[in-house]
Protein backbone atom coordinates (compact mmCIF):
# COMPACT_ATOMS: atom_id res chain seq x y z
CA MET A 1 49.40 27.94 -24.72
CA ALA A 2 51.27 30.56 -22.67
CA GLY A 3 49.38 31.11 -18.75
CA ARG A 4 47.34 34.05 -17.81
CA LYS A 5 48.78 37.15 -15.14
CA ARG A 6 47.49 36.39 -11.74
CA ARG A 7 47.17 39.60 -9.59
CA THR A 8 48.81 39.23 -6.38
CA HIS A 9 48.09 41.28 -2.68
CA LYS A 10 50.13 42.65 -0.40
CA ILE A 11 49.25 41.98 3.25
CA SER A 12 46.62 44.02 3.92
CA ALA A 13 47.99 46.68 6.75
CA GLU A 14 45.75 46.49 9.05
CA ILE A 15 46.87 42.87 10.57
CA PRO A 16 48.70 43.77 12.90
CA ALA A 17 51.67 42.55 12.66
CA LYS A 18 51.74 40.61 16.51
CA LEU A 19 49.03 38.00 14.77
CA MET A 20 51.83 37.52 11.59
CA THR A 21 54.51 34.89 13.16
CA LYS A 22 57.92 35.30 12.67
CA HIS A 23 60.41 31.92 12.19
CA GLU A 24 63.75 31.04 12.06
CA ASN A 25 65.11 31.98 8.35
CA CYS A 26 61.80 33.47 7.55
CA ASP A 27 61.27 36.67 6.86
CA LYS A 28 57.43 36.29 4.54
CA CYS A 29 55.33 36.50 7.44
CA LEU A 30 56.21 39.65 9.07
CA PRO A 31 54.49 42.90 7.51
CA ALA A 32 56.51 44.09 4.45
CA ASP A 33 57.56 47.45 6.22
CA GLU A 34 59.29 45.53 8.94
CA PRO A 35 61.26 42.90 7.80
CA ASN A 36 63.12 42.34 10.24
CA LYS A 37 61.54 44.35 13.25
CA PRO A 38 59.87 40.67 15.58
CA SER A 39 56.30 40.85 16.37
CA ASN A 40 55.45 42.94 19.67
CA VAL A 41 54.11 40.11 21.27
CA ASN A 42 52.98 42.38 25.05
CA ASN A 43 51.44 45.64 23.73
CA LYS A 44 47.79 45.72 24.44
CA ASN A 45 46.89 48.51 22.72
CA ASP A 46 46.85 46.60 19.60
CA ASN A 47 43.21 47.07 17.65
CA VAL A 48 43.04 43.48 16.87
CA ASN A 49 39.74 42.12 16.63
CA GLU A 50 38.26 39.23 19.67
CA ILE A 51 39.22 35.79 19.01
CA GLU A 52 36.21 33.59 19.87
CA ARG A 53 36.38 31.32 21.98
CA SER A 54 34.94 28.57 21.38
CA HIS A 55 33.82 26.40 24.67
CA TYR A 56 35.39 23.07 23.29
CA PHE A 57 38.88 24.77 22.87
CA ILE A 58 39.28 27.54 25.81
CA LYS A 59 43.52 26.47 26.08
CA SER A 60 45.53 24.15 24.66
CA ASP A 61 45.24 20.79 26.34
CA PRO A 62 48.67 18.72 26.30
CA LYS A 63 46.65 15.18 26.36
CA LEU A 64 45.12 15.77 22.69
CA ARG A 65 47.56 15.98 20.92
CA LEU A 66 48.28 14.17 18.23
CA GLY A 67 51.90 12.40 18.54
CA GLU A 68 54.10 10.67 15.93
CA ASP A 69 52.98 7.62 16.25
CA PHE A 70 49.27 8.65 14.69
CA PHE A 71 51.14 9.41 11.77
CA LYS A 72 52.98 6.24 10.65
CA GLN A 73 49.68 4.72 8.73
CA PRO A 74 49.97 4.42 5.05
CA CYS A 75 48.86 6.40 3.07
CA VAL A 76 44.77 6.08 2.79
CA SER A 77 44.35 4.97 6.24
CA LEU A 78 45.70 7.86 6.85
CA ALA A 79 43.67 10.53 4.49
CA LYS A 80 40.62 8.81 6.37
CA ALA A 81 42.08 9.23 10.01
CA PHE A 82 42.19 13.16 9.60
CA LEU A 83 39.24 13.68 8.77
CA GLY A 84 37.26 14.49 12.28
CA LYS A 85 40.50 16.43 13.95
CA VAL A 86 41.22 19.43 14.11
CA LEU A 87 44.14 21.57 13.10
CA VAL A 88 45.55 23.64 15.53
CA ARG A 89 48.03 27.59 14.67
CA ARG A 90 49.13 29.29 16.93
CA CYS A 91 49.99 32.92 16.53
CA ALA A 92 52.59 34.97 17.98
CA ASP A 93 50.44 37.29 20.39
CA GLY A 94 49.48 33.34 21.18
CA ALA A 95 46.58 33.45 20.59
CA GLU A 96 45.32 30.53 18.42
CA LEU A 97 43.44 29.23 15.38
CA ARG A 98 41.45 26.13 14.95
CA GLY A 99 39.27 23.76 12.00
CA LYS A 100 38.39 21.21 11.67
CA ILE A 101 39.50 18.33 9.29
CA VAL A 102 36.68 17.84 6.81
CA GLU A 103 38.38 17.19 3.43
CA THR A 104 41.30 15.65 2.69
CA GLU A 105 43.15 13.31 -0.23
CA ALA A 106 46.05 11.14 -0.81
CA TYR A 107 48.44 10.80 -2.75
CA LEU A 108 50.68 7.27 -2.72
CA GLY A 109 54.16 8.30 -4.78
CA GLY A 110 55.68 5.75 -6.54
CA GLU A 111 53.62 4.75 -9.90
CA ASP A 112 51.03 7.42 -8.61
CA LYS A 113 51.37 9.99 -10.83
CA ALA A 114 49.46 13.11 -9.53
CA SER A 115 51.96 12.38 -7.10
CA HIS A 116 54.62 15.65 -6.81
CA SER A 117 56.70 12.32 -5.82
CA ALA A 118 56.05 9.82 -8.63
CA GLY A 119 57.75 7.06 -9.64
CA GLY A 120 60.33 7.56 -6.62
CA LYS A 121 61.69 12.00 -7.79
CA ARG A 122 63.19 13.64 -5.62
CA THR A 123 63.29 17.02 -5.99
CA GLU A 124 64.62 20.07 -3.14
CA ARG A 125 61.04 20.45 -3.32
CA ASN A 126 59.45 17.61 -2.62
CA THR A 127 62.12 15.88 0.54
CA ALA A 128 59.32 16.02 3.14
CA MET A 129 56.94 13.63 1.07
CA PHE A 130 60.28 11.29 1.65
CA MET A 131 61.12 12.18 5.11
CA LYS A 132 59.62 10.25 8.26
CA PRO A 133 55.20 10.62 8.46
CA GLY A 134 54.18 13.80 10.08
CA THR A 135 56.10 16.22 8.39
CA ILE A 136 54.65 18.82 7.17
CA TYR A 137 55.31 20.05 3.27
CA VAL A 138 53.76 22.99 2.29
CA TYR A 139 54.62 23.61 -1.84
CA PRO A 140 53.27 26.23 -4.07
CA ILE A 141 50.58 27.01 -6.33
CA TYR A 142 50.30 29.55 -9.91
CA GLY A 143 53.26 31.48 -8.18
CA VAL A 144 51.39 33.01 -5.39
CA TYR A 145 48.86 30.50 -2.82
CA LEU A 146 50.12 27.71 -0.87
CA CYS A 147 49.28 24.06 0.05
CA MET A 148 50.06 22.18 3.26
CA ASN A 149 50.42 18.49 2.85
CA VAL A 150 51.51 15.59 5.51
CA SER A 151 54.05 13.03 5.09
CA SER A 152 52.67 9.19 5.46
CA GLU A 153 53.79 5.69 5.86
CA GLY A 154 55.53 4.75 2.20
CA GLU A 155 57.55 6.67 0.54
CA GLY A 156 57.24 9.45 -0.55
CA ALA A 157 53.36 9.54 0.22
CA ALA A 158 51.33 12.64 1.44
CA VAL A 159 48.51 13.36 2.52
CA LEU A 160 46.63 17.42 1.07
CA LEU A 161 44.62 18.47 3.40
CA ARG A 162 41.64 20.10 1.33
CA SER A 163 39.06 21.50 3.91
CA LEU A 164 38.22 22.85 7.31
CA GLU A 165 35.30 23.32 9.24
CA PRO A 166 36.47 27.10 11.56
CA LEU A 167 35.71 26.52 15.31
CA GLN A 168 37.97 28.98 16.88
CA GLY A 169 39.15 32.59 15.59
CA GLN A 170 37.43 33.05 12.51
CA SER A 171 37.30 36.43 12.51
CA VAL A 172 41.55 36.67 12.55
CA MET A 173 40.73 33.83 9.25
CA ARG A 174 38.79 36.64 7.84
CA GLU A 175 41.27 38.92 8.20
CA LEU A 176 43.95 36.90 6.47
CA ARG A 177 41.59 35.92 3.43
CA ALA A 178 40.56 39.78 3.14
CA ALA A 179 43.95 40.41 3.19
CA LYS A 180 44.45 38.01 -0.21
CA ARG A 181 41.36 39.27 -2.29
CA ARG A 182 40.47 42.24 -4.26
CA ASP A 183 39.42 45.13 -2.01
CA GLY A 184 35.69 45.64 -2.03
CA ALA A 185 35.13 41.90 -2.04
CA LYS A 186 32.03 40.37 -0.12
CA GLN A 187 32.75 39.41 2.82
CA VAL A 188 33.90 35.25 3.34
CA LYS A 189 31.29 33.28 4.58
CA ASP A 190 32.24 31.31 8.35
CA LYS A 191 31.73 27.90 5.71
CA GLU A 192 33.80 29.09 2.98
CA LEU A 193 36.70 30.38 5.53
CA CYS A 194 38.77 26.99 4.58
CA ASN A 195 37.47 25.67 1.88
CA GLY A 196 40.45 24.14 -0.52
CA PRO A 197 43.71 23.99 0.23
CA SER A 198 44.97 27.42 -0.64
CA LYS A 199 42.14 28.56 1.81
CA LEU A 200 43.35 26.79 4.44
CA CYS A 201 47.07 27.90 4.66
CA GLN A 202 45.52 31.60 3.61
CA ALA A 203 43.00 31.99 6.45
CA LEU A 204 45.87 29.56 9.58
CA ASP A 205 48.45 31.70 8.13
CA ILE A 206 50.63 28.69 7.41
CA PRO A 207 53.89 29.74 5.60
CA ARG A 208 55.89 28.20 3.02
CA CYS A 209 58.50 28.28 5.97
CA PHE A 210 56.55 25.39 7.63
CA ASP A 211 57.71 23.27 4.95
CA ARG A 212 59.71 20.17 6.83
CA ARG A 213 58.91 20.59 9.89
CA ASP A 214 57.46 18.10 12.29
CA LEU A 215 53.39 18.02 12.95
CA ALA A 216 54.21 16.17 16.16
CA SER A 217 56.34 18.38 18.18
CA ASP A 218 56.54 21.33 16.58
CA PRO A 219 55.22 24.94 19.05
CA GLU A 220 52.88 26.69 16.35
CA VAL A 221 51.21 24.34 14.38
CA TRP A 222 50.45 20.62 15.17
CA LEU A 223 46.52 18.37 15.53
CA GLU A 224 45.05 17.21 18.50
CA CYS A 225 42.06 14.93 18.52
CA VAL A 226 38.58 16.25 19.74
CA PRO A 227 37.15 16.00 23.34
CA GLY A 228 35.27 12.08 23.49
CA ALA A 229 34.76 11.97 20.10
CA GLY A 230 35.99 8.24 18.21
CA PRO A 231 37.41 8.14 14.55
CA GLU A 232 34.76 9.29 12.13
CA GLU A 233 32.18 6.88 11.39
CA VAL A 234 33.81 4.84 7.46
CA SER A 235 30.00 4.81 6.50
CA ASN A 236 29.73 8.92 6.79
CA VAL A 237 33.66 8.99 4.87
CA VAL A 238 32.74 9.35 0.58
CA SER A 239 35.62 8.17 -1.36
CA ALA A 240 35.46 10.05 -4.82
CA PRO A 241 38.25 11.39 -7.56
CA ARG A 242 40.46 14.02 -6.37
CA ILE A 243 40.37 17.79 -7.74
CA GLY A 244 42.75 19.52 -10.60
CA ILE A 245 44.97 16.51 -11.88
CA GLU A 246 42.41 15.68 -14.62
CA SER A 247 45.64 15.23 -17.20
CA HIS A 248 46.90 12.77 -15.49
CA GLY A 249 45.45 9.10 -16.79
CA GLU A 250 43.26 6.64 -14.96
CA TRP A 251 45.03 8.01 -11.72
CA ALA A 252 42.85 11.01 -12.23
CA LYS A 253 39.68 8.68 -11.93
CA LYS A 254 41.28 6.71 -8.62
CA PRO A 255 38.96 7.74 -5.50
CA LEU A 256 41.46 8.81 -3.69
CA ARG A 257 39.66 12.04 -1.83
CA PHE A 258 38.14 12.03 1.00
CA TYR A 259 35.09 14.27 2.83
CA ILE A 260 32.42 14.14 5.77
CA LEU A 261 29.23 13.24 4.34
CA GLY A 262 26.68 16.08 3.81
CA HIS A 263 29.80 18.74 5.84
CA PRO A 264 28.96 22.32 3.92
CA CYS A 265 33.00 23.58 4.27
CA VAL A 266 33.79 20.55 2.24
CA SER A 267 35.35 22.34 -1.04
CA VAL A 268 33.63 20.27 -4.15
CA ARG A 269 30.68 17.61 -3.38
CA ASN A 270 30.94 14.23 -5.62
CA LYS A 271 27.06 13.90 -6.17
CA GLU A 272 27.96 10.36 -7.49
CA ALA A 273 30.31 9.31 -4.82
CA GLU A 274 27.33 10.41 -2.49
CA GLU A 275 25.06 8.68 -4.11
CA LEU A 276 26.98 5.25 -3.82
CA VAL A 277 27.95 6.12 0.25
CA GLN A 278 24.12 6.78 1.31
CA SER A 279 22.85 3.23 -1.09
CA GLU A 280 25.23 1.57 0.78
CA MET A 281 23.68 3.07 3.82
CA ILE A 282 20.11 1.46 3.05
CA VAL A 283 21.80 -2.00 2.14
CA ASN A 284 23.83 -2.17 5.61
CA ASP A 285 20.52 -0.49 7.45
CA LEU A 286 18.56 -3.28 5.64
CA ASP A 287 20.97 -6.05 6.94
CA SER A 288 20.62 -4.72 10.26
CA GLU A 289 16.96 -4.72 10.80
CA SER A 290 16.87 -8.22 8.82
CA GLU A 291 19.66 -9.24 11.51
CA THR A 292 17.60 -8.41 14.70
CA GLY A 293 14.40 -8.46 13.21
CA GLN A 294 13.09 -5.05 13.92
CA HIS A 295 11.29 -2.52 11.93
CA LYS A 296 12.15 1.08 11.77
CA VAL A 297 9.00 3.04 11.08
CA LYS A 298 9.89 6.12 8.54
CA ARG A 299 8.26 9.43 10.52
CA THR A 300 7.97 12.19 8.09
CA PRO A 301 9.16 15.35 9.04
CA GLN A 302 6.53 18.26 11.17
CA LYS A 303 6.69 21.24 8.95
């Protein structure tokens, strides 16, 4: 059956050029009418929405940036380790967009039939999946949208970044998202800015030419840990089947999607998987009470 034609939308002229970074050998990141004109990062008269500055992130701290050792983990471990980390995108004017990763998917390569590298197949498109851990893999879907992945340990293995919680630069994210939506569409809520892999790429202006870049050393996009925060508690992580791979048999049912329980920015909730996590939490609490000989008093919330 022939697929439906999808309407494409050009980048809005209202988005200032200085928010769109020019990358080497990539003209896609500039407005269509100025393919060879570099962004004017010093023009203070541009009418740009002021970028929100979270009190947690006033300036980039090099000590918070995650290096190549962090990415040297098996695919499933890395997918879980990403939860709670912060993806940072530096714009051409030096402003930074930030979002906390709240949902990922692991694609194991090899026997994983849902992976682009299933059976060890290498192509021009999936080369990044076979490069060193921490390599960015950006690929198009439906010929219009993009998805961002990061390679891990394991032949052809990579983690898809599915959803973020916006932390900084929401006004710019909203402009970038609006450029891809129909005229007259209602304004996107903060929790909907990055709650999907393609929305994430739109909101943070992740272009196709970021493919094969090193997330551990790139000057325009990187990963940070949150000051004072440890790894996301295992008890708060939901493991559920991945999205959009229903045609891949048993691999469509494997719990290789991970997200933070109860987070409003998760793209798709799986109530069955959440109930399992909550049941395990209750059992663990009861075991803990039994070991300590203490009993918790259930309090009724006040209205």
